[in-house]
Amino acid sequence: MMDLRVESFYFNLDFSFKLFLACAFAWEQDRNRERWRRRQRRRFWRHPIIELRESRGAYHTLYAELNANPEKFQEYTRMSQESFQDLLSRVQGAIRRQDTQLCRAIPAEERLLVTLRFLATGESLSSLHFQYRLGISTLSGIVVDICRELWNVLRDEFIPQPTAEMWREIAEKFWNVCDFPNCLGTVDGKHIRIIKPARTGSEFFNYKKYFFVVLMAIADADCRFIAIDIGAFGRGNDSQTFKNSDMGRRVYGNNFNFPPSQPLPNTQGPPMPFVMVGDEAFQMCENLLKPYSSRDLNHTRRIFNYRLTRARRTVECTFGILVAKWRILASAINLKVETVDEVVKACVVLHNYIMTKERPNIELDEPVAHPLPDFKHHPLRSTAAVGLMRDQFAAFFDSDIGRVSWQDNVV
């Protein structure tokens, strides 16, 4: 009996000691939590630096001077004053905020100006915080909101859903500018560098040893974007990314409102499908051509590769203009992945907006008619048939009708 009492005593003592430790631990946690709250407690309702925003902030001191100097205004915002005011009128209703009893709302002009400056320079939010005297969290919310509204307001007009008539206009422009017939656009991907997102492992990591998301795009001969897909993981190649995107499935599925096939210019040969062009990374299909392999090239195939590359350079130029104007895309973006997507889409739609509003129209001469060659028609139901279609394009480029005067000297 005594043995049981002794065991019970020791058991109860052990339990009491454990209970004491648990209470002490909980008490210490409460103290630490209170210390953290005390440290995090705001010393100011609004910091004295931010209080002087309306007298010393960049918007209130620099904006008037920029308006008096149109060239400097364009350097600062990457667009003319007329384009800025037109853009402001389009998005003003969505980005305007109401004044409250506690503080006055930030004007819509200032919200748009600081967002354009962020996109144009890639400066950190901390840097803009001191220039515009706005809180960092306030700036972050402004950038996300404005980028989202720019995409929502501008995309239907400047990146519309292509119709058959729009495709024909694009193809005519490619023939006039790049001497490539029945071409609907050029396909390629752009790697947008980002700071590694938390808890993503190697999803956005690539063989170049940095993290990025992929901007997959189709561009026209005027260096404007026809369709885009943004946000794919960086570890996939361009071909896989394009196939898995919505526009890629529509291209490979012939479900993109493509116009019906028509003969090549100045010929009465069989109807040829309208195509897009890409580099050797993409899989060829009825509506997508790529260059011949670099092995065992004859003269005709060299001519074809040159003419296709000459057309494909438009998408490279489009990406180059995009990054040169919106420098946020030239360095690693330190934002959440979802915010990166909004920023990239805003840059793309602003690119099309400026290229449409400010680029002059260039009148081109009409192509000269020539005698007609003899082409054979092959139904495009197999890989071999697609190869034969490419051979017909190559034969056209090496014929008296489709050749350009300098191509033999280039290859």
Protein backbone atom coordinates (compact mmCIF):
# COMPACT_ATOMS: atom_id res chain seq x y z
CA MET A 1 0.00 0.00 0.00
CA MET A 2 2.85 2.38 0.89
CA ASP A 3 4.48 1.70 -2.43
CA LEU A 4 1.39 2.86 -4.30
CA ARG A 5 1.22 6.07 -2.24
CA VAL A 6 4.87 6.85 -2.91
CA GLU A 7 4.39 6.28 -6.63
CA SER A 8 1.30 8.48 -6.60
CA PHE A 9 3.23 11.25 -4.77
CA TYR A 10 6.02 11.24 -7.30
CA PHE A 11 3.54 11.14 -10.16
CA ASN A 12 1.64 14.14 -8.79
CA LEU A 13 4.88 16.02 -8.18
CA ASP A 14 5.99 15.41 -11.76
CA PHE A 15 2.63 16.56 -13.10
CA SER A 16 2.70 19.73 -10.98
CA PHE A 17 6.20 20.53 -12.18
CA LYS A 18 5.08 20.11 -15.81
CA LEU A 19 2.09 22.32 -15.16
CA PHE A 20 4.35 24.96 -13.62
CA LEU A 21 6.63 24.93 -16.65
CA ALA A 22 3.67 25.23 -19.01
CA CYS A 23 2.29 28.22 -17.10
CA ALA A 24 5.70 29.88 -16.99
CA PHE A 25 6.14 29.37 -20.74
CA ALA A 26 2.72 30.83 -21.48
CA TRP A 27 3.44 33.83 -19.21
CA GLU A 28 6.75 34.45 -21.01
CA GLN A 29 5.02 34.25 -24.39
CA ASP A 30 2.49 36.86 -23.29
CA ARG A 31 5.32 39.14 -22.17
CA ASN A 32 7.13 38.74 -25.48
CA ARG A 33 3.92 39.38 -27.40
CA GLU A 34 3.31 42.57 -25.43
CA ARG A 35 6.87 43.73 -26.05
CA TRP A 36 6.39 43.13 -29.81
CA ARG A 37 3.12 45.08 -29.79
CA ARG A 38 4.80 47.92 -27.95
CA ARG A 39 7.60 48.03 -30.50
CA GLN A 40 5.20 47.86 -33.41
CA ARG A 41 2.93 50.55 -32.04
CA ARG A 42 2.99 53.53 -34.37
CA ARG A 43 4.75 56.58 -33.07
CA PHE A 44 2.98 58.83 -35.59
CA TRP A 45 -0.45 58.86 -37.15
CA ARG A 46 1.38 60.17 -40.21
CA HIS A 47 5.14 60.54 -40.37
CA PRO A 48 6.41 64.15 -40.49
CA ILE A 49 8.10 63.43 -43.83
CA ILE A 50 4.78 62.32 -45.33
CA GLU A 51 2.99 65.31 -43.75
CA LEU A 52 4.92 67.57 -46.11
CA ARG A 53 3.81 65.68 -49.24
CA GLU A 54 1.59 68.48 -50.56
CA SER A 55 4.34 71.07 -50.27
CA ARG A 56 7.54 69.13 -50.98
CA GLY A 57 6.51 65.88 -52.70
CA ALA A 58 7.70 65.19 -56.24
CA TYR A 59 4.20 65.45 -57.70
CA HIS A 60 3.50 68.87 -56.19
CA THR A 61 6.94 70.32 -56.98
CA LEU A 62 7.97 68.63 -60.24
CA TYR A 63 4.73 67.99 -62.11
CA ALA A 64 4.15 71.67 -62.98
CA GLU A 65 7.70 72.00 -64.31
CA LEU A 66 7.31 68.84 -66.40
CA ASN A 67 4.12 70.21 -67.95
CA ALA A 68 6.07 73.31 -68.99
CA ASN A 69 8.71 71.16 -70.74
CA PRO A 70 7.12 68.58 -73.10
CA GLU A 71 10.43 66.85 -73.87
CA LYS A 72 11.23 66.32 -70.20
CA PHE A 73 7.66 65.18 -69.58
CA GLN A 74 8.09 62.48 -72.23
CA GLU A 75 11.40 61.38 -70.72
CA TYR A 76 9.83 61.17 -67.27
CA THR A 77 6.62 59.30 -68.16
CA ARG A 78 7.65 57.61 -71.46
CA MET A 79 4.69 59.23 -73.23
CA SER A 80 3.64 62.65 -74.51
CA GLN A 81 1.47 65.05 -72.55
CA GLU A 82 -1.44 64.42 -74.90
CA SER A 83 -1.18 60.66 -74.42
CA PHE A 84 -0.93 61.08 -70.64
CA GLN A 85 -4.04 63.22 -70.48
CA ASP A 86 -5.93 60.85 -72.75
CA LEU A 87 -4.84 57.89 -70.62
CA LEU A 88 -5.86 59.74 -67.45
CA SER A 89 -9.33 60.44 -68.87
CA ARG A 90 -9.75 56.73 -69.65
CA VAL A 91 -8.85 55.43 -66.18
CA GLN A 92 -9.74 58.38 -63.97
CA GLY A 93 -13.17 57.08 -63.02
CA ALA A 94 -11.68 53.78 -61.81
CA ILE A 95 -8.67 55.13 -59.90
CA ARG A 96 -10.16 58.21 -58.24
CA ARG A 97 -10.65 57.95 -54.45
CA GLN A 98 -12.93 59.96 -52.14
CA ASP A 99 -11.68 62.32 -49.43
CA THR A 100 -12.41 61.37 -45.81
CA GLN A 101 -12.59 63.30 -42.56
CA LEU A 102 -9.16 61.99 -41.57
CA CYS A 103 -7.19 62.76 -44.73
CA ARG A 104 -7.45 63.96 -48.30
CA ALA A 105 -7.33 61.37 -51.07
CA ILE A 106 -4.30 61.15 -53.35
CA PRO A 107 -5.25 62.74 -56.72
CA ALA A 108 -5.76 60.45 -59.69
CA GLU A 109 -3.01 62.28 -61.62
CA GLU A 110 -0.49 61.61 -58.87
CA ARG A 111 -1.48 57.95 -58.63
CA LEU A 112 -1.03 57.48 -62.38
CA LEU A 113 2.22 59.51 -62.46
CA VAL A 114 3.94 57.54 -59.70
CA THR A 115 2.89 54.24 -61.30
CA LEU A 116 4.29 55.26 -64.71
CA ARG A 117 7.50 56.34 -63.03
CA PHE A 118 7.76 52.99 -61.25
CA LEU A 119 7.27 51.12 -64.55
CA ALA A 120 9.56 53.42 -66.52
CA THR A 121 12.55 53.25 -64.16
CA GLY A 122 12.16 50.10 -62.07
CA GLU A 123 12.98 52.12 -58.95
CA SER A 124 12.22 50.50 -55.61
CA LEU A 125 9.14 51.51 -53.67
CA SER A 126 11.45 52.80 -50.92
CA SER A 127 13.04 55.23 -53.38
CA LEU A 128 9.66 56.50 -54.61
CA HIS A 129 8.53 56.73 -50.98
CA PHE A 130 11.09 59.48 -50.34
CA GLN A 131 10.50 61.23 -53.66
CA TYR A 132 6.71 61.40 -53.52
CA ARG A 133 6.45 61.32 -49.70
CA LEU A 134 3.94 58.48 -49.79
CA GLY A 135 3.92 55.48 -47.48
CA ILE A 136 5.51 52.31 -48.86
CA SER A 137 2.34 50.28 -48.26
CA THR A 138 0.31 53.06 -49.90
CA LEU A 139 2.62 53.02 -52.93
CA SER A 140 2.38 49.25 -53.19
CA GLY A 141 -1.41 49.40 -53.24
CA ILE A 142 -1.39 52.22 -55.81
CA VAL A 143 0.92 50.32 -58.20
CA VAL A 144 -1.18 47.15 -58.07
CA ASP A 145 -4.48 49.01 -58.49
CA ILE A 146 -3.32 51.22 -61.36
CA CYS A 147 -1.67 48.34 -63.26
CA ARG A 148 -4.83 46.26 -62.95
CA GLU A 149 -7.05 49.11 -64.12
CA LEU A 150 -4.77 49.94 -67.06
CA TRP A 151 -5.11 46.37 -68.30
CA ASN A 152 -8.86 46.22 -67.74
CA VAL A 153 -9.54 49.57 -69.43
CA LEU A 154 -7.16 49.35 -72.40
CA ARG A 155 -7.00 45.68 -73.40
CA ASP A 156 -10.28 45.53 -75.37
CA GLU A 157 -9.16 48.39 -77.62
CA PHE A 158 -5.42 47.86 -77.91
CA ILE A 159 -5.14 44.05 -77.57
CA PRO A 160 -8.52 42.99 -78.98
CA GLN A 161 -9.63 39.51 -79.86
CA PRO A 162 -8.44 39.12 -83.49
CA THR A 163 -11.02 38.63 -86.19
CA ALA A 164 -10.55 37.22 -89.69
CA GLU A 165 -10.47 40.74 -91.13
CA MET A 166 -7.83 41.84 -88.60
CA TRP A 167 -5.70 38.80 -89.50
CA ARG A 168 -5.87 39.74 -93.19
CA GLU A 169 -4.69 43.29 -92.42
CA ILE A 170 -1.80 41.91 -90.35
CA ALA A 171 -0.84 39.50 -93.15
CA GLU A 172 -0.87 42.31 -95.72
CA LYS A 173 1.39 44.41 -93.50
CA PHE A 174 3.86 41.52 -93.14
CA TRP A 175 3.97 41.12 -96.91
CA ASN A 176 4.58 44.84 -97.42
CA VAL A 177 7.15 45.27 -94.63
CA CYS A 178 8.88 41.88 -94.36
CA ASP A 179 8.16 40.32 -97.78
CA PHE A 180 6.64 37.26 -96.10
CA PRO A 181 3.25 36.20 -97.51
CA ASN A 182 0.29 34.80 -95.55
CA CYS A 183 2.01 35.65 -92.25
CA LEU A 184 -0.22 36.39 -89.25
CA GLY A 185 2.45 37.13 -86.64
CA THR A 186 5.71 36.11 -85.04
CA VAL A 187 5.93 34.01 -81.87
CA ASP A 188 8.55 34.11 -79.14
CA GLY A 189 9.01 34.20 -75.37
CA LYS A 190 10.63 36.79 -73.10
CA HIS A 191 12.11 35.86 -69.72
CA ILE A 192 11.14 38.37 -67.00
CA ARG A 193 13.55 38.16 -64.07
CA ILE A 194 12.11 38.08 -60.55
CA ILE A 195 13.37 37.69 -56.99
CA LYS A 196 12.74 34.13 -55.82
CA PRO A 197 9.16 33.84 -54.53
CA ALA A 198 8.78 32.29 -51.08
CA ARG A 199 8.12 28.55 -50.87
CA THR A 200 8.36 27.91 -54.63
CA GLY A 201 11.46 25.71 -54.71
CA SER A 202 12.87 25.55 -58.23
CA GLU A 203 9.60 26.22 -60.10
CA PHE A 204 10.81 29.59 -61.44
CA PHE A 205 14.51 28.63 -61.67
CA ASN A 206 16.19 28.17 -65.05
CA TYR A 207 19.48 26.93 -66.45
CA LYS A 208 20.88 30.48 -66.42
CA LYS A 209 20.81 30.36 -62.61
CA TYR A 210 18.16 32.99 -61.98
CA PHE A 211 14.41 33.06 -61.38
CA PHE A 212 11.93 34.34 -63.94
CA VAL A 213 8.45 34.10 -65.40
CA VAL A 214 7.77 33.76 -69.12
CA LEU A 215 6.03 36.35 -71.27
CA MET A 216 4.89 34.45 -74.36
CA ALA A 217 3.70 36.75 -77.14
CA ILE A 218 2.59 37.05 -80.76
CA ALA A 219 3.65 40.31 -82.46
CA ASP A 220 2.70 41.97 -85.74
CA ALA A 221 4.81 43.82 -88.31
CA ASP A 222 4.23 47.17 -86.52
CA CYS A 223 5.94 45.84 -83.37
CA ARG A 224 2.67 45.60 -81.45
CA PHE A 225 1.44 42.66 -79.42
CA ILE A 226 -1.45 40.65 -80.85
CA ALA A 227 -1.80 38.18 -77.96
CA ILE A 228 0.16 37.44 -74.79
CA ASP A 229 0.38 34.85 -72.02
CA ILE A 230 2.23 35.71 -68.81
CA GLY A 231 3.01 33.84 -65.62
CA ALA A 232 4.29 30.45 -66.77
CA PHE A 233 6.97 28.78 -64.63
CA GLY A 234 10.51 29.60 -65.67
CA ARG A 235 11.75 26.01 -65.73
CA GLY A 236 9.76 25.10 -68.89
CA ASN A 237 11.07 25.78 -72.40
CA ASP A 238 9.37 28.13 -74.85
CA SER A 239 7.77 25.34 -76.87
CA GLN A 240 6.12 23.74 -73.84
CA THR A 241 5.04 27.11 -72.49
CA PHE A 242 3.48 28.07 -75.81
CA LYS A 243 1.68 24.73 -76.17
CA ASN A 244 0.24 24.97 -72.66
CA SER A 245 -0.93 28.56 -73.07
CA ASP A 246 -4.40 29.44 -74.30
CA MET A 247 -3.14 31.12 -77.46
CA GLY A 248 -0.87 28.14 -78.19
CA ARG A 249 -3.75 25.71 -77.95
CA ARG A 250 -5.75 27.93 -80.28
CA VAL A 251 -2.91 28.10 -82.81
CA TYR A 252 -2.25 24.34 -82.82
CA GLY A 253 -5.98 23.64 -82.78
CA ASN A 254 -6.68 26.07 -85.67
CA ASN A 255 -9.20 27.83 -83.44
CA PHE A 256 -8.00 31.45 -83.60
CA ASN A 257 -10.42 32.94 -86.16
CA PHE A 258 -7.81 32.44 -88.88
CA PRO A 259 -8.99 33.48 -92.37
CA PRO A 260 -9.41 30.73 -94.95
CA SER A 261 -6.42 29.71 -97.04
CA GLN A 262 -5.56 31.76 -100.10
CA PRO A 263 -2.91 31.58 -102.85
CA LEU A 264 0.42 33.27 -102.30
CA PRO A 265 0.65 36.85 -103.64
CA ASN A 266 0.65 37.29 -107.40
CA THR A 267 0.05 33.58 -107.98
CA GLN A 268 -2.87 31.44 -109.01
CA GLY A 269 -1.52 28.36 -107.27
CA PRO A 270 -3.39 26.27 -104.69
CA PRO A 271 -4.61 27.96 -101.50
CA MET A 272 -1.93 28.16 -98.82
CA PRO A 273 -2.81 28.47 -95.12
CA PHE A 274 -2.07 31.57 -93.11
CA VAL A 275 0.83 30.91 -90.75
CA MET A 276 2.80 32.30 -87.85
CA VAL A 277 6.58 32.05 -87.72
CA GLY A 278 8.83 31.10 -84.82
CA ASP A 279 12.34 29.88 -84.16
CA GLU A 280 13.54 26.27 -84.14
CA ALA A 281 12.36 25.74 -80.53
CA PHE A 282 8.69 25.54 -81.57
CA GLN A 283 6.88 22.56 -83.01
CA MET A 284 5.78 23.12 -86.59
CA CYS A 285 2.12 22.69 -87.57
CA GLU A 286 -0.27 23.85 -90.26
CA ASN A 287 -0.37 27.38 -88.84
CA LEU A 288 3.20 27.66 -87.51
CA LEU A 289 6.42 27.59 -89.53
CA LYS A 290 9.98 27.35 -88.24
CA PRO A 291 13.34 27.41 -90.10
CA TYR A 292 15.04 24.39 -91.56
CA SER A 293 17.70 22.63 -89.54
CA SER A 294 21.15 24.11 -90.04
CA ARG A 295 22.47 20.79 -91.40
CA ASP A 296 22.49 20.01 -95.14
CA LEU A 297 21.04 23.32 -96.27
CA ASN A 298 20.78 23.95 -99.99
CA HIS A 299 20.42 27.40 -101.54
CA THR A 300 16.59 27.38 -101.49
CA ARG A 301 16.45 26.43 -97.82
CA ARG A 302 19.00 29.10 -96.91
CA ILE A 303 16.82 31.64 -98.66
CA PHE A 304 13.78 30.43 -96.71
CA ASN A 305 15.61 30.62 -93.37
CA TYR A 306 16.74 34.15 -94.16
CA ARG A 307 13.26 35.31 -95.15
CA LEU A 308 11.66 33.68 -92.08
CA THR A 309 14.27 35.21 -89.77
CA ARG A 310 13.70 38.59 -91.41
CA ALA A 311 10.01 38.31 -90.51
CA ARG A 312 10.68 36.89 -87.05
CA ARG A 313 12.86 39.84 -86.06
CA THR A 314 9.67 41.87 -85.51
CA VAL A 315 8.90 40.06 -82.25
CA GLU A 316 12.50 40.56 -81.10
CA CYS A 317 12.19 44.27 -81.89
CA THR A 318 8.88 44.37 -80.03
CA PHE A 319 10.45 42.92 -76.89
CA GLY A 320 13.41 45.28 -77.26
CA ILE A 321 11.18 48.36 -77.45
CA LEU A 322 9.09 47.11 -74.53
CA VAL A 323 12.08 46.64 -72.22
CA ALA A 324 13.83 49.84 -73.33
CA LYS A 325 10.76 51.92 -72.51
CA TRP A 326 9.61 50.15 -69.32
CA ARG A 327 12.82 49.50 -67.40
CA ILE A 328 11.04 47.59 -64.63
CA LEU A 329 11.36 44.60 -66.99
CA ALA A 330 15.14 44.99 -67.34
CA SER A 331 16.02 44.01 -63.76
CA ALA A 332 14.87 41.44 -61.22
CA ILE A 333 11.39 42.43 -59.98
CA ASN A 334 11.02 42.22 -56.22
CA LEU A 335 7.25 41.71 -56.04
CA LYS A 336 4.81 38.88 -55.50
CA VAL A 337 4.25 36.64 -58.54
CA GLU A 338 0.64 37.80 -58.84
CA THR A 339 1.77 41.44 -58.78
CA VAL A 340 4.48 40.71 -61.36
CA ASP A 341 1.78 39.43 -63.71
CA GLU A 342 -0.22 42.66 -63.27
CA VAL A 343 2.88 44.80 -63.86
CA VAL A 344 3.89 42.94 -67.04
CA LYS A 345 0.36 43.09 -68.47
CA ALA A 346 0.24 46.83 -67.77
CA CYS A 347 3.57 47.34 -69.56
CA VAL A 348 2.36 45.34 -72.57
CA VAL A 349 -0.92 47.22 -72.94
CA LEU A 350 0.87 50.58 -72.45
CA HIS A 351 3.33 49.54 -75.18
CA ASN A 352 0.49 48.95 -77.64
CA TYR A 353 -1.22 52.16 -76.51
CA ILE A 354 1.86 54.30 -77.18
CA MET A 355 2.76 52.52 -80.43
CA THR A 356 -0.77 53.17 -81.69
CA LYS A 357 -1.10 56.75 -80.48
CA GLU A 358 2.35 58.16 -81.18
CA ARG A 359 3.95 56.12 -83.98
CA PRO A 360 3.62 57.75 -87.45
CA ASN A 361 2.04 55.81 -90.29
CA ILE A 362 4.41 54.85 -93.12
CA GLU A 363 3.07 54.56 -96.64
CA LEU A 364 4.55 51.62 -98.55
CA ASP A 365 4.69 50.90 -102.27
CA GLU A 366 2.46 48.23 -103.75
CA PRO A 367 4.21 44.93 -104.67
CA VAL A 368 4.92 44.39 -108.35
CA ALA A 369 3.06 41.56 -110.13
CA HIS A 370 5.06 38.76 -111.80
CA PRO A 371 4.32 35.67 -113.89
CA LEU A 372 2.77 32.79 -111.99
CA PRO A 373 4.66 29.65 -110.89
CA ASP A 374 3.33 26.10 -110.78
CA PHE A 375 2.65 24.79 -107.24
CA LYS A 376 1.22 21.48 -106.13
CA HIS A 377 -1.38 21.25 -103.35
CA HIS A 378 -0.95 18.79 -100.47
CA PRO A 379 -3.57 18.26 -97.72
CA LEU A 380 -2.06 19.25 -94.34
CA ARG A 381 -2.87 16.14 -92.34
CA SER A 382 0.58 14.90 -91.34
CA THR A 383 4.05 16.06 -90.43
CA ALA A 384 5.23 15.25 -93.93
CA ALA A 385 2.46 17.40 -95.39
CA VAL A 386 3.46 20.32 -93.17
CA GLY A 387 7.04 19.85 -94.38
CA LEU A 388 5.82 19.99 -97.98
CA MET A 389 3.96 23.21 -97.19
CA ARG A 390 7.21 24.71 -95.91
CA ASP A 391 8.94 23.55 -99.09
CA GLN A 392 6.32 25.40 -101.13
CA PHE A 393 7.02 28.60 -99.23
CA ALA A 394 10.75 28.04 -99.81
CA ALA A 395 10.17 27.50 -103.54
CA PHE A 396 8.13 30.73 -103.66
CA PHE A 397 10.94 32.73 -102.05
CA ASP A 398 13.46 31.35 -104.54
CA SER A 399 11.24 32.00 -107.57
CA ASP A 400 11.11 35.08 -109.77
CA ILE A 401 7.84 36.12 -108.09
CA GLY A 402 8.77 35.84 -104.44
CA ARG A 403 12.46 36.74 -104.43
CA VAL A 404 13.88 40.04 -103.19
CA SER A 405 16.83 41.61 -104.93
CA TRP A 406 19.34 41.31 -102.09
CA GLN A 407 18.61 37.84 -100.73
CA ASP A 408 21.27 36.01 -102.76
CA ASN A 409 23.94 38.38 -101.51
CA VAL A 410 22.88 37.84 -97.87
CA VAL A 411 22.96 34.03 -97.89
